């Protein structure tokens, strides 16, 4: 696997890990909140346990889905990029050189062509020559 593909998969892995870490932190906050509600007597202990069990089950299911999606994306990325080779610095320099030449040629062509009259502009009447008399 090329270095470029490894960088993309590492970035994707870090994104997934950040999502999972956020879910875990949220789960910890939920546990604290439910525990506080149980201690205050706002929620019966059995109901608090049910809420925590449900939340734990949903969090684990989320983590499993994220891990599976990550594996699928990583495999798709590897397969899709297997034959791809990013352009080299030399290739980019050649493209920039060609682009510079095209711009230069375009500027040369536009300098040599007469300017067209704008639509709706009045044509100027030719001035009379000094030696001619009007009749």
N, C-alpha and C. Protein backbone atom coordinates (compact mmCIF):
# COMPACT_ATOMS: atom_id res chain seq x y z
N UNK A 1 0.86 -1.18 0.00
CA UNK A 1 0.00 0.00 0.00
C UNK A 1 0.90 1.23 0.00
N UNK A 2 0.56 2.18 -0.82
CA UNK A 2 1.39 3.38 -0.93
C UNK A 2 1.27 4.26 0.31
N UNK A 3 2.22 5.13 0.44
CA UNK A 3 2.24 6.05 1.59
C UNK A 3 0.99 6.93 1.60
N UNK A 4 0.57 7.33 0.40
CA UNK A 4 -0.60 8.19 0.27
C UNK A 4 -1.85 7.48 0.78
N UNK A 5 -2.01 6.21 0.41
CA UNK A 5 -3.17 5.43 0.84
C UNK A 5 -3.12 5.22 2.35
N UNK A 6 -1.93 4.98 2.88
CA UNK A 6 -1.78 4.80 4.32
C UNK A 6 -2.18 6.07 5.07
N UNK A 7 -1.83 7.23 4.53
CA UNK A 7 -2.20 8.49 5.17
C UNK A 7 -3.71 8.66 5.19
N UNK A 8 -4.36 8.32 4.08
CA UNK A 8 -5.82 8.44 4.02
C UNK A 8 -6.49 7.49 5.01
N UNK A 9 -6.01 6.25 5.07
CA UNK A 9 -6.63 5.29 5.99
C UNK A 9 -6.37 5.70 7.44
N UNK A 10 -5.19 6.26 7.73
CA UNK A 10 -4.90 6.72 9.09
C UNK A 10 -5.85 7.86 9.46
N UNK A 11 -6.06 8.79 8.54
CA UNK A 11 -6.97 9.90 8.79
C UNK A 11 -8.39 9.40 9.04
N UNK A 12 -8.82 8.44 8.23
CA UNK A 12 -10.15 7.87 8.39
C UNK A 12 -10.25 7.15 9.74
N UNK A 13 -9.22 6.39 10.11
CA UNK A 13 -9.21 5.67 11.38
C UNK A 13 -9.28 6.66 12.56
N UNK A 14 -8.54 7.75 12.46
CA UNK A 14 -8.57 8.76 13.53
C UNK A 14 -9.96 9.40 13.65
N UNK A 15 -10.62 9.60 12.52
CA UNK A 15 -11.98 10.17 12.55
C UNK A 15 -12.95 9.21 13.24
N UNK A 16 -12.84 7.93 12.92
CA UNK A 16 -13.72 6.93 13.54
C UNK A 16 -13.43 6.86 15.03
N UNK A 17 -12.15 6.84 15.39
CA UNK A 17 -11.79 6.78 16.81
C UNK A 17 -12.33 7.99 17.57
N UNK A 18 -12.26 9.16 16.96
CA UNK A 18 -12.79 10.36 17.61
C UNK A 18 -14.29 10.24 17.83
N UNK A 19 -15.01 9.67 16.87
CA UNK A 19 -16.46 9.49 17.01
C UNK A 19 -16.77 8.52 18.15
N UNK A 20 -16.01 7.44 18.22
CA UNK A 20 -16.24 6.45 19.27
C UNK A 20 -15.89 7.04 20.64
N UNK A 21 -14.80 7.77 20.72
CA UNK A 21 -14.43 8.40 21.99
C UNK A 21 -15.50 9.38 22.45
N UNK A 22 -16.07 10.11 21.51
CA UNK A 22 -17.15 11.04 21.86
C UNK A 22 -18.36 10.28 22.40
N UNK A 23 -18.69 9.16 21.78
CA UNK A 23 -19.82 8.35 22.27
C UNK A 23 -19.54 7.82 23.67
N UNK A 24 -18.32 7.40 23.94
CA UNK A 24 -17.96 6.89 25.27
C UNK A 24 -18.07 8.00 26.31
N UNK A 25 -17.56 9.20 25.97
CA UNK A 25 -17.66 10.32 26.90
C UNK A 25 -19.12 10.67 27.19
N UNK A 26 -19.93 10.63 26.15
CA UNK A 26 -21.35 10.92 26.32
C UNK A 26 -21.99 9.86 27.21
N UNK A 27 -21.57 8.62 27.05
CA UNK A 27 -22.10 7.52 27.87
C UNK A 27 -21.72 7.75 29.34
N UNK A 28 -20.49 8.16 29.59
CA UNK A 28 -20.07 8.42 30.96
C UNK A 28 -20.89 9.55 31.59
N UNK A 29 -21.16 10.60 30.81
CA UNK A 29 -21.99 11.69 31.32
C UNK A 29 -23.41 11.21 31.62
N UNK A 30 -23.91 10.33 30.77
CA UNK A 30 -25.26 9.78 30.98
C UNK A 30 -25.30 8.97 32.27
N UNK A 31 -24.28 8.15 32.51
CA UNK A 31 -24.22 7.38 33.74
C UNK A 31 -24.22 8.30 34.96
N UNK A 32 -23.42 9.36 34.91
CA UNK A 32 -23.38 10.31 36.02
C UNK A 32 -24.75 10.95 36.25
N UNK A 33 -25.39 11.34 35.15
CA UNK A 33 -26.69 11.99 35.26
C UNK A 33 -27.73 11.03 35.85
N UNK A 34 -27.76 9.79 35.37
CA UNK A 34 -28.73 8.82 35.88
C UNK A 34 -28.43 8.51 37.35
N UNK A 35 -27.16 8.37 37.69
CA UNK A 35 -26.79 8.10 39.08
C UNK A 35 -27.24 9.24 40.00
N UNK A 36 -27.07 10.46 39.53
CA UNK A 36 -27.50 11.62 40.32
C UNK A 36 -29.02 11.62 40.49
N UNK A 37 -29.75 11.30 39.43
CA UNK A 37 -31.22 11.25 39.52
C UNK A 37 -31.68 10.17 40.49
N UNK A 38 -30.97 9.04 40.50
CA UNK A 38 -31.32 7.96 41.42
C UNK A 38 -31.04 8.39 42.85
N UNK A 39 -29.89 9.05 43.08
CA UNK A 39 -29.54 9.51 44.42
C UNK A 39 -30.52 10.55 44.94
N UNK A 40 -31.03 11.40 44.08
CA UNK A 40 -32.01 12.41 44.49
C UNK A 40 -33.40 11.81 44.69
N UNK A 41 -33.59 10.63 44.15
CA UNK A 41 -34.90 9.99 44.28
C UNK A 41 -35.85 10.36 43.17
N UNK A 42 -35.36 11.05 42.15
CA UNK A 42 -36.21 11.45 41.03
C UNK A 42 -36.53 10.27 40.13
N UNK A 43 -35.65 9.27 40.13
CA UNK A 43 -35.85 8.08 39.30
C UNK A 43 -35.61 6.87 40.21
N UNK A 44 -36.53 5.89 40.18
CA UNK A 44 -36.30 4.68 40.98
C UNK A 44 -35.03 3.95 40.51
N UNK A 45 -34.40 3.24 41.42
CA UNK A 45 -33.13 2.56 41.14
C UNK A 45 -33.27 1.57 39.99
N UNK A 46 -34.37 0.81 39.97
CA UNK A 46 -34.58 -0.18 38.90
C UNK A 46 -34.70 0.50 37.53
N UNK A 47 -35.43 1.60 37.51
CA UNK A 47 -35.59 2.33 36.24
C UNK A 47 -34.26 2.93 35.78
N UNK A 48 -33.47 3.43 36.72
CA UNK A 48 -32.14 3.96 36.39
C UNK A 48 -31.25 2.87 35.81
N UNK A 49 -31.32 1.67 36.38
CA UNK A 49 -30.52 0.55 35.86
C UNK A 49 -30.98 0.19 34.46
N UNK A 50 -32.28 0.19 34.23
CA UNK A 50 -32.80 -0.11 32.89
C UNK A 50 -32.31 0.93 31.87
N UNK A 51 -32.34 2.20 32.26
CA UNK A 51 -31.86 3.26 31.37
C UNK A 51 -30.39 3.06 31.02
N UNK A 52 -29.58 2.75 32.04
CA UNK A 52 -28.15 2.54 31.80
C UNK A 52 -27.90 1.31 30.93
N UNK A 53 -28.65 0.24 31.18
CA UNK A 53 -28.48 -0.97 30.36
C UNK A 53 -28.86 -0.70 28.90
N UNK A 54 -29.96 0.03 28.72
CA UNK A 54 -30.39 0.37 27.36
C UNK A 54 -29.33 1.25 26.68
N UNK A 55 -28.83 2.23 27.41
CA UNK A 55 -27.82 3.12 26.84
C UNK A 55 -26.55 2.35 26.50
N UNK A 56 -26.12 1.46 27.38
CA UNK A 56 -24.92 0.67 27.14
C UNK A 56 -25.09 -0.20 25.89
N UNK A 57 -26.26 -0.81 25.77
CA UNK A 57 -26.54 -1.65 24.60
C UNK A 57 -26.50 -0.82 23.31
N UNK A 58 -27.09 0.36 23.34
CA UNK A 58 -27.11 1.22 22.15
C UNK A 58 -25.70 1.72 21.81
N UNK A 59 -24.92 2.05 22.83
CA UNK A 59 -23.56 2.53 22.60
C UNK A 59 -22.70 1.43 21.99
N UNK A 60 -22.82 0.22 22.51
CA UNK A 60 -22.05 -0.90 21.96
C UNK A 60 -22.46 -1.20 20.52
N UNK A 61 -23.75 -1.11 20.25
CA UNK A 61 -24.23 -1.33 18.88
C UNK A 61 -23.68 -0.26 17.95
N UNK A 62 -23.65 0.99 18.43
CA UNK A 62 -23.10 2.09 17.64
C UNK A 62 -21.63 1.85 17.34
N UNK A 63 -20.87 1.44 18.36
CA UNK A 63 -19.45 1.18 18.17
C UNK A 63 -19.22 0.06 17.14
N UNK A 64 -20.02 -0.99 17.23
CA UNK A 64 -19.88 -2.10 16.27
C UNK A 64 -20.20 -1.63 14.84
N UNK A 65 -21.25 -0.83 14.70
CA UNK A 65 -21.60 -0.31 13.37
C UNK A 65 -20.49 0.57 12.82
N UNK A 66 -19.94 1.42 13.69
CA UNK A 66 -18.85 2.30 13.25
C UNK A 66 -17.62 1.50 12.83
N UNK A 67 -17.27 0.49 13.59
CA UNK A 67 -16.12 -0.34 13.25
C UNK A 67 -16.34 -1.08 11.94
N UNK A 68 -17.55 -1.59 11.73
CA UNK A 68 -17.85 -2.30 10.49
C UNK A 68 -17.81 -1.35 9.29
N UNK A 69 -18.41 -0.17 9.45
CA UNK A 69 -18.38 0.82 8.36
C UNK A 69 -16.95 1.24 8.06
N UNK A 70 -16.14 1.39 9.11
CA UNK A 70 -14.74 1.76 8.90
C UNK A 70 -14.03 0.67 8.10
N UNK A 71 -14.21 -0.57 8.47
CA UNK A 71 -13.56 -1.67 7.75
C UNK A 71 -13.99 -1.69 6.27
N UNK A 72 -15.29 -1.48 6.05
CA UNK A 72 -15.79 -1.45 4.67
C UNK A 72 -15.16 -0.30 3.89
N UNK A 73 -15.12 0.87 4.47
CA UNK A 73 -14.55 2.04 3.80
C UNK A 73 -13.06 1.85 3.55
N UNK A 74 -12.37 1.30 4.52
CA UNK A 74 -10.93 1.09 4.36
C UNK A 74 -10.66 0.11 3.22
N UNK A 75 -11.44 -0.96 3.16
CA UNK A 75 -11.25 -1.94 2.08
C UNK A 75 -11.58 -1.33 0.73
N UNK A 76 -12.67 -0.57 0.65
CA UNK A 76 -13.04 0.09 -0.59
C UNK A 76 -11.95 1.07 -1.02
N UNK A 77 -11.41 1.80 -0.07
CA UNK A 77 -10.35 2.75 -0.36
C UNK A 77 -9.11 2.03 -0.89
N UNK A 78 -8.73 0.95 -0.25
CA UNK A 78 -7.55 0.19 -0.69
C UNK A 78 -7.75 -0.35 -2.10
N UNK A 79 -8.93 -0.91 -2.36
CA UNK A 79 -9.20 -1.47 -3.70
C UNK A 79 -9.23 -0.36 -4.74
N UNK A 80 -9.89 0.74 -4.41
CA UNK A 80 -10.02 1.83 -5.37
C UNK A 80 -8.71 2.53 -5.67
N UNK A 81 -7.83 2.60 -4.69
CA UNK A 81 -6.58 3.32 -4.88
C UNK A 81 -5.41 2.41 -5.24
N UNK A 82 -5.67 1.14 -5.34
CA UNK A 82 -4.60 0.19 -5.62
C UNK A 82 -3.82 0.56 -6.87
N UNK A 83 -4.52 0.95 -7.93
CA UNK A 83 -3.85 1.28 -9.18
C UNK A 83 -3.55 2.77 -9.34
N UNK A 84 -4.00 3.57 -8.41
CA UNK A 84 -3.82 5.02 -8.55
C UNK A 84 -2.44 5.43 -8.06
N UNK A 85 -1.78 6.21 -8.87
CA UNK A 85 -0.49 6.76 -8.47
C UNK A 85 -0.61 8.28 -8.62
N UNK A 86 -0.47 9.02 -7.52
CA UNK A 86 -0.58 10.47 -7.63
C UNK A 86 0.52 11.04 -8.51
N UNK A 87 0.28 12.17 -9.16
CA UNK A 87 1.30 12.74 -10.05
C UNK A 87 2.56 13.13 -9.28
N UNK A 88 3.68 12.97 -9.94
CA UNK A 88 4.96 13.33 -9.31
C UNK A 88 5.17 14.83 -9.40
N UNK A 89 6.18 15.29 -8.72
CA UNK A 89 6.53 16.72 -8.76
C UNK A 89 6.92 17.11 -10.18
N UNK A 90 7.62 16.19 -10.86
CA UNK A 90 8.04 16.45 -12.24
C UNK A 90 6.83 16.61 -13.15
N UNK A 91 5.83 15.74 -12.98
CA UNK A 91 4.61 15.83 -13.78
C UNK A 91 3.91 17.18 -13.57
N UNK A 92 3.83 17.59 -12.32
CA UNK A 92 3.19 18.88 -12.02
C UNK A 92 3.97 20.04 -12.61
N UNK A 93 5.31 19.97 -12.53
CA UNK A 93 6.13 21.04 -13.12
C UNK A 93 5.93 21.12 -14.63
N UNK A 94 5.83 19.96 -15.30
CA UNK A 94 5.60 19.95 -16.75
C UNK A 94 4.24 20.56 -17.08
N UNK A 95 3.23 20.22 -16.31
CA UNK A 95 1.89 20.79 -16.55
C UNK A 95 1.90 22.30 -16.34
N UNK A 96 2.58 22.77 -15.32
CA UNK A 96 2.68 24.22 -15.10
C UNK A 96 3.41 24.90 -16.26
N UNK A 97 4.45 24.26 -16.76
CA UNK A 97 5.19 24.83 -17.88
C UNK A 97 4.29 24.93 -19.12
N UNK A 98 3.55 23.87 -19.41
CA UNK A 98 2.63 23.89 -20.56
C UNK A 98 1.56 24.96 -20.39
N UNK A 99 1.05 25.08 -19.17
CA UNK A 99 0.03 26.10 -18.90
C UNK A 99 0.61 27.50 -19.11
N UNK A 100 1.82 27.73 -18.65
CA UNK A 100 2.48 29.02 -18.86
C UNK A 100 2.64 29.32 -20.35
N UNK A 101 3.01 28.31 -21.13
CA UNK A 101 3.15 28.50 -22.58
C UNK A 101 1.81 28.84 -23.22
N UNK A 102 0.76 28.15 -22.82
CA UNK A 102 -0.57 28.44 -23.38
C UNK A 102 -1.00 29.87 -23.04
N UNK A 103 -0.77 30.29 -21.82
CA UNK A 103 -1.13 31.65 -21.42
C UNK A 103 -0.34 32.66 -22.25
N UNK A 104 0.95 32.41 -22.42
CA UNK A 104 1.80 33.30 -23.21
C UNK A 104 1.28 33.38 -24.66
N UNK A 105 0.97 32.23 -25.26
CA UNK A 105 0.46 32.20 -26.63
C UNK A 105 -0.87 32.95 -26.75
N UNK A 106 -1.74 32.76 -25.77
CA UNK A 106 -3.03 33.44 -25.77
C UNK A 106 -2.85 34.95 -25.67
N UNK A 107 -1.95 35.38 -24.82
CA UNK A 107 -1.69 36.82 -24.70
C UNK A 107 -1.12 37.38 -25.99
N UNK A 108 -0.25 36.62 -26.66
CA UNK A 108 0.34 37.09 -27.92
C UNK A 108 -0.74 37.21 -29.00
N UNK A 109 -1.66 36.27 -29.04
CA UNK A 109 -2.73 36.30 -30.05
C UNK A 109 -3.67 37.47 -29.78
N UNK A 110 -4.02 37.71 -28.55
CA UNK A 110 -4.95 38.80 -28.26
C UNK A 110 -4.32 40.16 -28.48
N UNK A 111 -2.99 40.28 -28.38
CA UNK A 111 -2.32 41.56 -28.64
C UNK A 111 -2.29 41.88 -30.14
N UNK A 112 -2.20 40.87 -30.98
CA UNK A 112 -2.08 41.11 -32.42
C UNK A 112 -3.43 41.28 -33.10
N UNK A 113 -4.52 40.85 -32.50
CA UNK A 113 -5.83 40.98 -33.11
C UNK A 113 -6.40 42.36 -32.82
N UNK A 114 -7.05 42.99 -33.84
CA UNK A 114 -7.67 44.29 -33.58
C UNK A 114 -8.84 44.12 -32.63
N UNK A 115 -9.04 45.15 -31.86
CA UNK A 115 -10.15 45.11 -30.92
C UNK A 115 -11.46 45.27 -31.65
N UNK A 116 -12.44 44.52 -31.21
CA UNK A 116 -13.77 44.62 -31.83
C UNK A 116 -14.53 45.76 -31.17
N UNK A 117 -15.39 46.40 -31.99
CA UNK A 117 -16.20 47.49 -31.48
C UNK A 117 -17.28 46.93 -30.58
N UNK A 118 -17.55 47.61 -29.50
CA UNK A 118 -18.59 47.18 -28.58
C UNK A 118 -19.94 47.34 -29.25
N UNK A 119 -20.86 46.46 -28.89
CA UNK A 119 -22.20 46.53 -29.45
C UNK A 119 -22.86 47.83 -29.03
N UNK A 120 -23.50 48.50 -29.96
CA UNK A 120 -24.22 49.74 -29.67
C UNK A 120 -23.35 50.98 -29.73
N UNK A 121 -22.04 50.82 -29.92
CA UNK A 121 -21.16 52.00 -29.99
C UNK A 121 -21.28 52.62 -31.38
N UNK A 122 -21.25 53.94 -31.43
CA UNK A 122 -21.36 54.63 -32.71
C UNK A 122 -20.02 54.60 -33.42
N UNK A 123 -20.10 54.44 -34.74
CA UNK A 123 -18.87 54.45 -35.54
C UNK A 123 -18.44 55.90 -35.72
N UNK A 124 -17.13 56.13 -35.65
CA UNK A 124 -16.61 57.49 -35.84
C UNK A 124 -16.54 57.79 -37.32
N UNK A 125 -16.89 59.04 -37.66
CA UNK A 125 -16.79 59.47 -39.06
C UNK A 125 -15.34 59.83 -39.34
N UNK A 126 -14.87 59.46 -40.51
CA UNK A 126 -13.48 59.81 -40.83
C UNK A 126 -13.35 61.32 -40.95
N UNK A 127 -12.24 61.83 -40.47
CA UNK A 127 -11.99 63.27 -40.54
C UNK A 127 -11.56 63.64 -41.95
N UNK A 128 -11.95 64.86 -42.33
CA UNK A 128 -11.57 65.36 -43.67
C UNK A 128 -10.08 65.64 -43.69
N UNK A 129 -9.47 65.34 -44.80
CA UNK A 129 -8.03 65.61 -44.93
C UNK A 129 -7.82 67.12 -45.13
N UNK A 130 -6.69 67.55 -44.76
CA UNK A 130 -6.39 68.97 -44.78
C UNK A 130 -6.45 69.57 -46.20
N UNK A 131 -6.03 68.85 -47.19
CA UNK A 131 -5.98 69.39 -48.53
C UNK A 131 -7.28 69.30 -49.28
N UNK A 132 -8.30 68.73 -48.76
CA UNK A 132 -9.58 68.59 -49.47
C UNK A 132 -10.55 69.66 -49.11
N UNK A 133 -11.30 70.03 -50.08
CA UNK A 133 -12.34 71.01 -49.82
C UNK A 133 -13.67 70.29 -49.82
N UNK A 134 -14.55 70.84 -49.04
CA UNK A 134 -15.89 70.27 -48.99
C UNK A 134 -16.71 70.86 -50.12
N UNK A 135 -17.56 70.17 -50.72
CA UNK A 135 -18.40 70.67 -51.79
C UNK A 135 -19.79 70.79 -51.37
